[in-house]
Amino acid sequence: MWNKLWDALAVVAIAFAIWKIFVAPRSLGAPGAHPAPHAVYERLAGQPFRVAGQRGHVVFLEFYASWCEPCKIELPLVQAWRRGHPDALVMPIDVGESRSTVSAFARRYALGNVALDPASGSRAYFGVEGFPTMVVIDASGHIRAKWEGLNPAIALALSNAVKTL
């Protein structure tokens, strides 16, 4: 009896992993469903990043924190994908940390184009509840997906979003 229960739990766990990695990131919301908020973030380089100013481009907002262990795995995968897709707009946004902490983390993980959210406004603006969280905004400025948690196949999800949107 216990063996069958463990087998059933294993099947459920595998099915959830397949859904989380391959199915959910390919599911994009309906066009025009949720307009992206007009959030403005300061970049490490100093200039502002305006979400509303990115109309005409598919935008990927990667919310993270330096203390987040899954972020330390996913961020390099996202950055590698970004280097292979220079036309894609990927914006890593550190949530809730000081400029010095963000700067040190960005250097350590070779992150480019990093924005700051020291007041954690992203939690309210985009419903960020955990890290990492990727928010996909289409060219018309509407949120089409929000992927929460570590996704080892994030590059596939990003590529699918670029092709679809």
Protein backbone atom coordinates (compact mmCIF):
# COMPACT_ATOMS: atom_id res chain seq x y z
CA MET A 1 0.00 0.00 0.00
CA TRP A 2 2.75 2.50 0.96
CA ASN A 3 4.66 1.69 -2.20
CA LYS A 4 1.65 2.62 -4.34
CA LEU A 5 1.20 5.85 -2.39
CA TRP A 6 4.86 6.80 -2.90
CA ASP A 7 4.58 5.93 -6.59
CA ALA A 8 1.52 8.15 -6.92
CA LEU A 9 3.29 11.00 -5.14
CA ALA A 10 6.30 10.60 -7.44
CA VAL A 11 4.06 10.77 -10.52
CA VAL A 12 2.37 13.92 -9.19
CA ALA A 13 5.75 15.53 -8.43
CA ILE A 14 7.07 14.72 -11.92
CA ALA A 15 3.88 16.00 -13.55
CA PHE A 16 4.13 19.25 -11.56
CA ALA A 17 7.78 19.70 -12.57
CA ILE A 18 6.94 19.17 -16.24
CA TRP A 19 4.07 21.65 -16.00
CA LYS A 20 6.19 24.23 -14.14
CA ILE A 21 9.15 24.02 -16.52
CA PHE A 22 7.59 23.37 -19.92
CA VAL A 23 3.86 24.15 -19.94
CA ALA A 24 3.25 27.18 -17.67
CA PRO A 25 5.97 29.38 -19.22
CA ARG A 26 4.50 28.77 -22.68
CA SER A 27 1.09 29.99 -21.52
CA LEU A 28 0.75 33.66 -22.32
CA GLY A 29 -2.28 35.64 -21.20
CA ALA A 30 -4.76 37.20 -23.60
CA PRO A 31 -3.62 40.37 -25.38
CA GLY A 32 -4.75 43.55 -23.67
CA ALA A 33 -5.82 41.79 -20.49
CA HIS A 34 -3.63 43.65 -17.99
CA PRO A 35 -1.88 46.93 -18.81
CA ALA A 36 1.54 47.20 -17.24
CA PRO A 37 1.83 49.85 -14.53
CA HIS A 38 3.77 53.02 -15.27
CA ALA A 39 6.58 52.07 -12.90
CA VAL A 40 9.91 53.92 -13.00
CA TYR A 41 13.13 52.40 -11.68
CA GLU A 42 16.60 53.88 -11.34
CA ARG A 43 19.35 51.88 -13.02
CA LEU A 44 22.72 51.24 -11.43
CA ALA A 45 24.18 53.35 -14.21
CA GLY A 46 21.97 56.22 -13.02
CA GLN A 47 19.43 56.82 -15.77
CA PRO A 48 15.75 55.92 -15.16
CA PHE A 49 14.01 52.92 -16.68
CA ARG A 50 10.37 53.66 -17.48
CA VAL A 51 8.22 50.61 -18.11
CA ALA A 52 5.70 52.68 -20.09
CA GLY A 53 8.50 54.03 -22.28
CA GLN A 54 9.19 50.58 -23.73
CA ARG A 55 6.13 50.36 -26.01
CA GLY A 56 6.97 48.63 -29.24
CA HIS A 57 9.26 46.11 -27.52
CA VAL A 58 8.68 42.84 -25.71
CA VAL A 59 10.02 43.45 -22.20
CA PHE A 60 11.18 40.88 -19.66
CA LEU A 61 11.37 42.14 -16.08
CA GLU A 62 13.35 39.74 -13.87
CA PHE A 63 12.68 40.56 -10.20
CA TYR A 64 15.25 39.17 -7.80
CA ALA A 65 17.15 39.72 -4.54
CA SER A 66 20.81 39.04 -3.82
CA TRP A 67 20.02 36.70 -0.91
CA CYS A 68 17.80 34.49 -3.12
CA GLU A 69 19.56 31.20 -3.89
CA PRO A 70 17.31 30.25 -6.86
CA CYS A 71 18.01 33.72 -8.33
CA LYS A 72 21.73 32.92 -8.33
CA ILE A 73 20.94 29.99 -10.62
CA GLU A 74 18.37 31.62 -12.91
CA LEU A 75 19.95 35.07 -13.42
CA PRO A 76 23.04 33.72 -15.24
CA LEU A 77 20.74 31.64 -17.49
CA VAL A 78 18.70 34.75 -18.32
CA GLN A 79 21.84 36.81 -18.94
CA ALA A 80 23.25 34.13 -21.27
CA TRP A 81 19.96 34.12 -23.21
CA ARG A 82 20.04 37.92 -23.34
CA ARG A 83 23.54 37.93 -24.85
CA GLY A 84 22.27 35.65 -27.62
CA HIS A 85 19.24 37.89 -28.23
CA PRO A 86 20.55 41.46 -28.23
CA ASP A 87 17.25 42.85 -29.54
CA ALA A 88 15.37 41.53 -26.48
CA LEU A 89 14.85 43.92 -23.59
CA VAL A 90 15.68 42.09 -20.37
CA MET A 91 15.70 44.19 -17.21
CA PRO A 92 16.94 42.59 -13.97
CA ILE A 93 15.35 44.48 -11.07
CA ASP A 94 16.70 44.05 -7.55
CA VAL A 95 13.92 44.38 -4.99
CA GLY A 96 14.38 45.79 -1.51
CA GLU A 97 18.14 46.20 -1.29
CA SER A 98 20.64 49.04 -1.11
CA ARG A 99 22.58 50.35 -4.09
CA SER A 100 25.86 49.00 -2.65
CA THR A 101 24.43 45.51 -2.19
CA VAL A 102 22.96 45.52 -5.70
CA SER A 103 26.18 46.82 -7.22
CA ALA A 104 28.32 44.13 -5.57
CA PHE A 105 25.88 41.38 -6.60
CA ALA A 106 25.69 42.67 -10.19
CA ARG A 107 29.50 42.63 -10.46
CA ARG A 108 29.76 39.15 -8.98
CA TYR A 109 27.17 37.68 -11.38
CA ALA A 110 28.08 39.84 -14.42
CA LEU A 111 24.60 41.36 -14.61
CA GLY A 112 24.06 44.19 -17.02
CA ASN A 113 21.37 46.86 -17.19
CA VAL A 114 20.30 46.35 -13.56
CA ALA A 115 17.54 48.48 -12.04
CA LEU A 116 16.86 49.21 -8.38
CA ASP A 117 13.65 48.89 -6.40
CA PRO A 118 14.84 49.71 -2.86
CA ALA A 119 11.31 50.48 -1.60
CA SER A 120 9.92 47.15 -2.94
CA GLY A 121 7.23 48.86 -5.01
CA SER A 122 7.30 45.92 -7.43
CA ARG A 123 5.41 43.84 -4.92
CA ALA A 124 2.37 46.09 -5.39
CA TYR A 125 2.93 47.10 -9.03
CA PHE A 126 3.49 43.62 -10.44
CA GLY A 127 2.32 41.29 -7.67
CA VAL A 128 5.82 40.02 -6.96
CA GLU A 129 5.50 37.59 -4.06
CA GLY A 130 8.70 35.58 -4.33
CA PHE A 131 11.96 35.40 -6.23
CA PRO A 132 12.86 35.01 -8.97
CA THR A 133 9.78 36.36 -10.76
CA MET A 134 9.78 37.07 -14.49
CA VAL A 135 7.10 39.42 -15.86
CA VAL A 136 6.56 39.46 -19.62
CA ILE A 137 5.14 42.63 -21.18
CA ASP A 138 4.12 42.66 -24.83
CA ALA A 139 4.89 45.40 -27.34
CA SER A 140 1.58 47.15 -26.64
CA GLY A 141 2.42 47.45 -22.93
CA HIS A 142 0.28 44.66 -21.51
CA ILE A 143 1.40 42.01 -19.02
CA ARG A 144 1.14 38.67 -20.79
CA ALA A 145 2.79 36.35 -18.26
CA LYS A 146 4.26 36.15 -14.79
CA TRP A 147 6.53 33.20 -14.06
CA GLU A 148 7.40 32.69 -10.40
CA GLY A 149 10.17 30.55 -9.03
CA LEU A 150 13.26 28.94 -10.49
CA ASN A 151 12.87 27.63 -14.02
CA PRO A 152 15.95 25.76 -15.28
CA ALA A 153 14.47 25.96 -18.80
CA ILE A 154 13.94 29.74 -18.67
CA ALA A 155 15.73 30.21 -22.00
CA LEU A 156 13.06 28.11 -23.74
CA ALA A 157 10.32 30.16 -22.11
CA LEU A 158 11.95 33.46 -23.13
CA SER A 159 12.44 32.28 -26.71
CA ASN A 160 8.83 31.12 -26.91
CA ALA A 161 7.59 34.50 -25.66
CA VAL A 162 9.69 36.36 -28.23
CA LYS A 163 8.35 34.18 -31.05
CA THR A 164 4.74 34.37 -29.84
CA LEU A 165 4.59 38.06 -29.02
